[in-house]
Protein backbone atom coordinates (compact mmCIF):
# COMPACT_ATOMS: atom_id res chain seq x y z
CA MET A 1 -0.23 -0.25 0.19
CA LYS A 2 2.83 2.59 1.05
CA ASN A 3 4.42 1.51 -2.55
CA LYS A 4 1.38 2.14 -4.64
CA ILE A 5 1.19 5.56 -3.05
CA LEU A 6 5.17 6.37 -2.70
CA PHE A 7 5.38 5.76 -6.34
CA PRO A 8 3.01 8.54 -7.93
CA VAL A 9 4.50 11.12 -5.47
CA LEU A 10 8.14 10.17 -7.00
CA ILE A 11 6.95 10.54 -10.47
CA VAL A 12 5.43 14.31 -9.94
CA LEU A 13 8.61 14.91 -7.76
CA TRP A 14 10.40 14.03 -10.68
CA VAL A 15 8.51 16.01 -13.50
CA LEU A 16 8.83 19.25 -11.20
CA SER A 17 12.39 18.62 -10.97
CA LEU A 18 12.91 18.79 -14.71
CA ILE A 19 10.54 21.48 -14.80
CA PHE A 20 12.76 23.29 -12.52
CA ILE A 21 16.01 22.49 -14.39
CA ALA A 22 15.17 23.51 -17.80
CA ASN A 23 13.63 26.57 -16.33
CA ASN A 24 16.85 27.46 -14.58
CA VAL A 25 18.94 26.69 -17.78
CA HIS A 26 17.10 28.72 -19.55
CA LYS A 27 17.38 32.03 -16.94
CA ASN A 28 20.92 31.13 -16.23
CA PHE A 29 22.24 30.05 -19.48
CA ASP A 30 25.89 32.18 -19.38
CA LYS A 31 26.47 30.99 -16.00
CA ILE A 32 26.19 27.44 -17.03
CA LEU A 33 28.50 28.09 -19.68
CA ILE A 34 31.07 29.64 -17.80
CA PHE A 35 30.34 26.73 -15.13
CA LYS A 36 31.28 24.45 -17.86
CA ASN A 37 33.96 25.84 -18.94
CA ASN A 38 35.41 25.89 -15.71
CA LEU A 39 35.30 22.41 -15.55
CA LYS A 40 36.68 21.79 -18.65
CA LYS A 41 39.59 24.12 -18.04
CA LYS A 42 39.89 25.58 -20.99
CA SER A 43 41.73 29.07 -22.06
CA TYR A 44 38.99 30.75 -23.65
CA VAL A 45 35.78 32.45 -23.21
CA ASN A 46 32.65 33.56 -25.74
CA ALA A 47 32.47 37.26 -26.65
CA ASN A 48 29.18 37.96 -28.42
CA ALA A 49 30.56 37.33 -31.78
CA TYR A 50 33.73 35.67 -31.34
CA LYS A 51 35.96 33.38 -29.15
CA VAL A 52 38.55 35.56 -27.09
CA ASN A 53 41.32 32.95 -25.77
CA ILE A 54 44.32 33.66 -23.19
CA ASP A 55 47.31 31.69 -22.01
CA ARG A 56 50.19 32.81 -19.95
CA VAL A 57 53.49 33.18 -21.70
CA LEU A 58 55.57 34.29 -18.82
CA LYS A 59 55.61 34.54 -14.89
CA LEU A 60 55.45 37.56 -13.47
CA ASN A 61 55.11 38.41 -9.36
CA LYS A 62 55.19 42.33 -9.95
CA LYS A 63 52.90 45.25 -11.39
CA THR A 64 54.09 46.34 -14.60
CA ALA A 65 54.94 50.26 -15.26
CA TYR A 66 55.23 49.25 -18.76
CA VAL A 67 55.57 46.47 -20.95
CA LEU A 68 57.70 47.08 -24.17
CA TYR A 69 58.02 45.31 -27.15
CA ASP A 70 60.03 47.53 -30.01
CA GLY A 71 61.24 44.69 -32.06
CA LYS A 72 60.31 44.23 -35.77
CA GLU A 73 59.70 40.26 -35.74
CA GLU A 74 56.68 39.02 -36.06
CA ASN A 75 57.21 35.91 -33.95
CA PHE A 76 56.52 36.90 -30.39
CA ASN A 77 59.58 36.09 -27.73
CA ALA A 78 58.98 36.86 -24.15
CA LEU A 79 62.53 36.88 -23.84
CA ASN A 80 62.74 39.97 -26.12
CA LEU A 81 60.26 41.91 -23.68
CA GLU A 82 61.26 45.08 -21.40
CA ILE A 83 59.22 45.13 -18.32
CA PHE A 84 59.13 48.00 -16.49
CA THR A 85 57.99 47.18 -12.92
CA GLN A 86 56.34 49.67 -10.22
CA ASP A 87 59.13 48.73 -7.68
CA GLY A 88 61.74 50.00 -9.96
CA PHE A 89 63.04 47.30 -11.79
CA LEU A 90 63.86 46.73 -15.00
CA ILE A 91 63.34 43.10 -16.71
CA THR A 92 65.39 42.19 -20.16
CA SER A 93 66.15 38.16 -21.19
CA GLY A 94 64.53 36.73 -17.87
CA GLN A 95 66.95 39.05 -15.98
CA GLU A 96 66.42 41.48 -13.50
CA LYS A 97 68.33 44.65 -12.65
CA GLN A 98 67.23 47.71 -10.86
CA LEU A 99 67.06 51.08 -12.57
CA ASN A 100 68.99 54.09 -11.80
CA MET A 101 66.60 55.84 -9.60
CA PRO A 102 67.15 59.34 -7.38
CA SER A 103 67.74 59.36 -4.03
CA ASP A 104 63.98 60.85 -3.52
CA PHE A 105 62.25 57.73 -5.52
CA THR A 106 59.55 56.36 -2.54
CA LEU A 107 57.83 53.38 -2.33
CA GLU A 108 55.89 55.00 0.27
CA LYS A 109 51.92 55.72 -0.15
CA LYS A 110 51.95 53.01 -2.83
CA GLY A 111 54.40 54.81 -4.62
CA GLY A 112 56.71 53.83 -7.38
CA LEU A 113 57.79 53.76 -11.27
CA LYS A 114 53.64 54.40 -12.70
CA ASN A 115 54.82 55.39 -16.36
CA VAL A 116 57.75 54.98 -18.86
CA LEU A 117 58.45 57.67 -21.71
CA PHE A 118 60.68 57.24 -24.85
CA LEU A 119 62.13 59.78 -26.64
CA GLY A 120 64.90 59.46 -29.54
CA ASN A 121 67.06 57.47 -27.64
CA LYS A 122 65.89 58.39 -24.19
CA ARG A 123 64.02 57.37 -21.61
CA PHE A 124 62.24 58.87 -18.94
CA GLY A 125 60.01 57.47 -15.89
CA LEU A 126 57.22 59.47 -14.09
CA ILE A 127 57.56 58.21 -10.28
CA SER A 128 56.96 58.99 -6.87
CA ALA A 129 58.87 60.86 -4.65
CA LYS A 130 59.43 62.53 -1.35
CA LYS A 131 61.99 65.17 0.69
CA ASN A 132 61.24 65.66 3.92
CA ASN A 133 57.51 65.87 4.52
CA CYS A 134 56.97 66.80 0.79
CA TYR A 135 55.23 64.03 -1.22
CA TYR A 136 55.70 65.02 -4.39
CA SER A 137 56.08 63.44 -8.25
CA LYS A 138 58.61 64.01 -11.00
CA ILE A 139 59.96 63.05 -14.65
CA PHE A 140 63.08 61.56 -14.22
CA ASN A 141 65.49 61.28 -17.51
CA PHE A 142 67.09 57.80 -16.70
CA THR A 143 69.55 57.66 -19.89
CA ASP A 144 71.62 60.62 -18.46
CA ASN A 145 70.37 59.93 -14.97
CA LYS A 146 69.10 63.41 -13.87
CA ASN A 147 66.07 64.90 -13.20
CA PHE A 148 63.76 66.54 -15.88
CA LEU A 149 60.97 68.11 -13.60
CA ASN A 150 59.89 68.20 -10.08
CA PHE A 151 56.15 68.73 -9.48
CA ASN A 152 54.35 70.42 -6.62
CA CYS A 153 54.34 69.03 -3.14
CA LEU A 154 50.90 67.32 -2.69
CA PRO A 155 48.80 69.35 -0.01
CA ASP A 156 47.17 66.24 1.91
CA GLU A 157 50.05 63.96 3.01
CA ALA A 158 47.93 62.08 5.01
CA ASN A 159 45.44 60.99 2.32
CA THR A 160 48.05 60.95 -0.28
CA ASP A 161 47.72 57.19 -2.46
CA TYR A 162 50.01 57.32 -5.79
CA ASN A 163 47.84 54.76 -6.83
CA GLY A 164 45.79 57.53 -7.87
CA LEU A 165 48.46 58.97 -9.88
CA GLY A 166 47.22 56.78 -12.80
CA SER A 167 49.37 57.97 -16.13
CA SER A 168 49.71 57.15 -19.58
CA VAL A 169 51.59 59.09 -23.06
CA VAL A 170 50.75 59.65 -26.39
CA TYR A 171 53.07 61.05 -28.92
CA TYR A 172 52.54 63.83 -31.62
CA ASN A 173 55.20 65.28 -33.96
CA ASP A 174 56.63 67.64 -32.04
CA LYS A 175 55.14 67.24 -28.49
CA LEU A 176 53.73 64.24 -25.98
CA LEU A 177 50.43 64.32 -23.88
CA ILE A 178 51.04 62.58 -20.71
CA SER A 179 48.26 62.37 -18.19
CA LEU A 180 47.72 62.78 -14.08
CA GLY A 181 46.16 61.91 -11.88
CA THR A 182 44.99 63.41 -8.30
CA VAL A 183 47.26 61.16 -6.00
CA ASP A 184 44.32 60.20 -3.78
CA ALA A 185 41.84 57.29 -3.31
CA ASN A 186 38.92 59.48 -2.23
CA LEU A 187 38.14 63.18 -2.98
CA THR A 188 40.67 65.55 -0.26
CA LEU A 189 42.50 68.18 -1.02
CA ASN A 190 44.46 66.47 -3.69
CA SER A 191 41.10 66.26 -5.86
CA GLU A 192 40.77 69.91 -5.37
CA LEU A 193 44.06 70.31 -7.44
CA SER A 194 42.15 69.30 -10.59
CA GLN A 195 40.90 72.35 -10.99
CA ASN A 196 43.80 74.62 -9.92
CA ASP A 197 45.46 76.11 -12.91
CA ASN A 198 48.73 75.95 -10.99
CA SER A 199 48.86 72.51 -10.63
CA PRO A 200 49.77 69.82 -12.74
CA TYR A 201 47.92 67.38 -11.15
CA GLY A 202 44.51 65.96 -12.36
CA LYS A 203 44.95 66.91 -16.09
CA ILE A 204 46.68 66.00 -19.00
CA LEU A 205 49.71 67.95 -20.33
CA SER A 206 51.37 68.92 -23.02
CA ILE A 207 55.34 68.56 -23.06
CA ASP A 208 57.45 70.05 -25.93
CA ASN A 209 59.83 67.30 -27.18
CA ASP A 210 62.73 69.79 -27.86
CA SER A 211 62.62 70.38 -23.92
CA LEU A 212 62.76 66.16 -23.40
CA LEU A 213 65.56 66.23 -26.15
CA GLY A 214 67.24 68.59 -23.54
CA LYS A 215 67.03 71.44 -26.53
CA LYS A 216 65.57 74.14 -24.27
CA SER A 217 64.11 74.81 -20.80
CA PRO A 218 61.89 72.49 -19.56
CA GLN A 219 58.05 73.66 -20.76
CA ILE A 220 54.87 71.90 -19.88
CA ASN A 221 51.09 73.27 -20.49
CA VAL A 222 48.16 71.70 -19.32
CA PHE A 223 46.25 70.58 -22.20
CA SER A 224 43.09 69.73 -20.48
CA LYS A 225 41.84 69.63 -16.69
CA GLY A 226 39.17 68.18 -14.13
CA HIS A 227 40.94 64.40 -14.56
CA ARG A 228 40.56 61.95 -11.48
CA ASN A 229 43.15 59.43 -12.19
CA PRO A 230 43.19 59.28 -15.60
CA GLN A 231 44.70 55.27 -16.38
CA GLY A 232 45.02 54.79 -20.15
CA MET A 233 45.26 56.85 -23.57
CA THR A 234 45.35 56.20 -27.53
CA LYS A 235 44.38 58.71 -30.35
CA ILE A 236 42.58 58.01 -33.37
CA ASN A 237 43.35 60.38 -36.22
CA ASN A 238 45.57 62.76 -34.32
CA GLN A 239 42.40 62.67 -31.96
CA THR A 240 43.14 61.53 -28.09
CA PHE A 241 40.86 59.30 -26.16
CA SER A 242 41.70 58.79 -22.39
CA VAL A 243 40.47 56.20 -19.74
CA GLU A 244 39.85 57.51 -15.99
CA HIS A 245 38.78 55.89 -12.72
CA GLY A 246 35.66 57.23 -10.86
CA PRO A 247 34.46 57.13 -7.88
CA LYS A 248 32.80 53.76 -6.38
CA GLY A 249 31.18 54.13 -10.36
CA GLY A 250 31.61 56.57 -12.92
CA ASP A 251 34.86 55.17 -14.49
CA GLU A 252 34.75 57.28 -18.09
CA LEU A 253 35.81 57.13 -21.77
CA ASN A 254 36.50 60.87 -22.49
CA LYS A 255 37.39 62.44 -26.26
CA ILE A 256 39.98 64.88 -25.31
CA LEU A 257 39.40 68.32 -26.43
CA LYS A 258 42.53 71.25 -25.55
CA ASP A 259 41.38 73.81 -23.05
CA ARG A 260 38.49 71.60 -21.79
CA ASN A 261 37.35 70.64 -18.26
CA TYR A 262 36.08 67.33 -17.78
CA GLY A 263 34.60 68.12 -13.79
CA TRP A 264 36.44 66.16 -11.63
CA PRO A 265 35.97 66.88 -8.24
CA ILE A 266 32.78 68.80 -8.87
CA SER A 267 31.32 66.27 -11.10
CA SER A 268 30.81 62.67 -11.60
CA TYR A 269 28.60 59.97 -12.30
CA GLY A 270 29.72 57.91 -9.64
CA THR A 271 29.69 58.83 -6.04
CA ARG A 272 31.85 59.48 -3.02
CA TYR A 273 32.86 56.63 -1.02
CA MET A 274 31.33 56.33 2.37
CA VAL A 275 34.02 57.93 4.21
CA ASP A 276 33.69 61.22 2.45
CA ASN A 277 30.34 62.95 3.62
CA ASP A 278 28.79 59.45 4.19
CA GLY A 279 28.50 58.83 0.37
CA LYS A 280 26.65 61.63 -0.95
CA HIS A 281 26.81 61.77 -4.67
CA LEU A 282 28.09 64.47 -6.82
CA PRO A 283 26.27 66.31 -9.51
CA LEU A 284 25.84 64.13 -12.43
CA SER A 285 25.80 66.73 -15.64
CA HIS A 286 28.67 68.22 -16.40
CA GLU A 287 27.13 70.06 -19.45
CA ARG A 288 24.96 72.16 -17.37
CA LEU A 289 27.94 73.08 -14.89
CA GLY A 290 29.94 74.11 -18.16
CA PHE A 291 32.24 70.68 -18.65
CA GLU A 292 32.67 68.15 -20.87
CA GLU A 293 30.60 65.24 -20.70
CA PRO A 294 32.24 61.80 -20.83
CA MET A 295 31.61 59.81 -24.20
CA ILE A 296 30.27 57.09 -21.67
CA ALA A 297 30.38 56.61 -18.06
CA LEU A 298 30.50 52.62 -16.37
CA VAL A 299 28.34 52.67 -13.70
CA PRO A 300 29.18 50.71 -11.52
CA SER A 301 33.08 51.02 -12.00
CA VAL A 302 34.96 48.25 -13.42
CA GLY A 303 38.75 49.55 -12.43
CA ILE A 304 39.34 50.40 -16.10
CA SER A 305 43.00 50.76 -16.65
CA ALA A 306 44.72 50.57 -20.37
CA LEU A 307 43.27 51.60 -23.57
CA ASN A 308 44.77 51.81 -26.85
CA LYS A 309 43.18 51.42 -30.44
CA CYS A 310 42.02 47.60 -31.32
CA PRO A 311 44.06 45.09 -33.20
CA SER A 312 43.87 44.52 -37.20
CA LYS A 313 41.34 41.33 -36.38
CA LEU A 314 38.77 43.23 -34.61
CA LYS A 315 38.94 46.25 -36.67
CA GLN A 316 38.59 43.94 -39.91
CA TYR A 317 35.21 42.65 -38.20
CA TYR A 318 34.06 45.98 -36.81
CA LYS A 319 34.43 47.66 -39.75
CA LYS A 320 34.06 51.11 -37.50
CA ASN A 321 36.37 53.20 -35.06
CA CYS A 322 37.35 50.57 -32.42
CA LEU A 323 39.23 50.94 -28.53
CA ILE A 324 40.51 48.57 -26.53
CA ALA A 325 40.74 48.94 -22.88
CA LEU A 326 41.42 46.52 -19.60
CA SER A 327 40.04 46.53 -16.35
CA LEU A 328 41.47 45.87 -13.14
CA TYR A 329 38.37 45.13 -10.85
CA GLY A 330 34.90 45.11 -10.51
CA ASN A 331 32.13 44.02 -8.29
CA LYS A 332 28.62 41.94 -8.42
CA LEU A 333 26.77 44.07 -10.75
CA ARG A 334 29.70 44.93 -13.39
CA LYS A 335 32.36 42.08 -13.18
CA GLY A 336 35.86 43.59 -13.70
CA ARG A 337 38.79 41.96 -14.86
CA SER A 338 37.87 42.05 -18.53
CA LEU A 339 38.29 43.44 -22.09
CA ILE A 340 36.34 46.21 -22.91
CA ILE A 341 35.78 47.09 -26.41
CA PHE A 342 33.69 50.05 -27.33
CA LEU A 343 33.07 50.71 -31.04
CA ILE A 344 32.42 54.81 -32.00
CA ASP A 345 30.70 56.83 -34.48
CA ASP A 346 32.99 57.82 -38.08
CA ASN A 347 33.12 61.14 -36.82
CA LEU A 348 34.19 59.88 -33.49
CA ASN A 349 31.88 61.78 -31.12
CA LYS A 350 29.86 59.07 -29.71
CA VAL A 351 29.61 55.56 -28.62
CA ASN A 352 28.15 53.30 -30.22
CA SER A 353 28.78 49.69 -28.43
CA VAL A 354 30.05 48.89 -25.35
CA GLU A 355 31.34 45.14 -24.90
CA GLN A 356 32.50 43.75 -21.41
CA ILE A 357 33.97 40.19 -22.25
CA TYR A 358 34.72 38.63 -18.78
CA LEU A 359 37.60 36.88 -18.47
CA GLY A 360 37.44 36.16 -14.64
CA SER A 361 36.78 32.02 -15.11
CA LEU A 362 40.56 32.33 -16.18
CA GLY A 363 41.95 32.92 -12.99
CA GLU A 364 40.35 36.43 -11.74
CA LEU A 365 43.33 38.27 -13.38
CA ARG A 366 43.74 42.00 -12.84
CA LEU A 367 44.83 43.27 -16.35
CA ARG A 368 47.19 46.35 -16.23
CA HIS A 369 48.65 47.03 -19.23
CA PHE A 370 49.21 46.19 -23.08
CA VAL A 371 52.41 45.35 -24.71
CA THR A 372 53.31 47.98 -26.97
CA ASN A 373 55.84 49.52 -28.99
CA SER A 374 57.85 52.83 -27.56
CA LYS A 375 55.05 54.97 -29.35
CA ASN A 376 51.90 53.18 -26.94
CA GLU A 377 51.04 51.55 -30.08
CA ILE A 378 49.67 47.75 -29.46
CA PHE A 379 51.62 44.75 -30.39
CA GLU A 380 50.42 42.30 -32.41
CA ASP A 381 52.46 39.17 -33.82
CA LYS A 382 51.74 37.75 -37.42
CA ASN A 383 48.75 35.62 -35.89
CA GLY A 384 46.98 38.88 -34.90
CA ASN A 385 48.05 37.88 -31.48
CA ILE A 386 47.89 40.57 -28.99
CA TYR A 387 49.55 40.40 -25.17
CA VAL A 388 48.61 41.95 -22.07
CA SER A 389 50.00 42.38 -18.28
CA ALA A 390 48.16 40.94 -15.01
CA ASP A 391 49.40 42.42 -11.48
CA LYS A 392 51.43 39.83 -10.10
CA GLU A 393 50.43 36.96 -12.72
CA GLY A 394 52.71 37.64 -15.60
CA ILE A 395 52.19 38.39 -19.15
CA TYR A 396 49.68 36.85 -20.97
CA LYS A 397 48.42 36.31 -24.75
CA ILE A 398 45.35 37.26 -25.62
CA SER A 399 43.80 35.79 -29.43
CA PHE A 400 40.41 36.51 -31.16
CA SER A 401 39.05 33.43 -33.23
CA ASP A 402 36.27 31.70 -34.74
CA PHE A 403 34.08 35.32 -35.67
CA ARG A 404 30.61 34.95 -36.50
CA LEU A 405 30.54 35.85 -40.26
């Protein structure tokens, strides 16, 4: 009697379980694909229209400041990389040596080497420095072992955070543009320097090539202001684009125009962190306050880092102006550790599409820099592969395949 009652009950439960599974497979198909990929330990993820493969080619337990591959050979060789690390070392041919840093170089406040500039046969570093109780930044000439320029002391010593210095560079015929952040994590007195015309921080600066080459005295001009932490820059058809971190949301892609103001710390699509005035939001509209609106703001933030033009395979596929960015972090709503593809209209004024390709299932990588040449142009080998650095993990090859035609 018990068996006669139990059997139909089991049948009903079995049918209900099939319905539940089918429903959840439909709703969570992307999650199931990621889980399936993890089980098989595949080294790829699926973008919307192609496959992205990622494989480590060199192990490295440091954060990079610049990864140079300036050779002409099409076959990539990891031993030909020049890897500048944030703690002040240069790794070449698998050998590590300390760079000849000035006496005021400091690793305090998360400082270090933040960017490397190349001009002619000379190499320069953007570094953090300290003298007595003064924290500042400087450009140092590694080739001639001498200072190029010391920037001003930061007003808020207690809240100085050199992770906020950011920095990237683009090159033009007679000058280069270099970005400097506000050197803080939260909204402090350092952030207010972004609107101060007498301070280099929170700016994109223009430096004449002749001044870097020693043909005339150091001359730096403010190209644009109102930036928080500009991490990556590149150019399309002599038009500069930059990405920068927002506070708790509001990572931005900006088209950089001379003498324009981009609003920080007055306006942002992010909000203050909870330690700042109980996390109150900032005015969202840039335009109403007389500032430049970002081309797009990512809310929540992804910790956007490097920016460059898309490699040839992506440009050929999209047939549009195409930028590629990396990210460091993320959260439950918008995962970080990813590639981000921006498609831009023919007039370079509008973002038509943003695709974020999450790579977390392949190791939770914090992607820092593209491997580039000395002009900060993305390197790709004869097969169209590109290479990136991941914090304290190494150098990775990224390839694109199986495009939907």
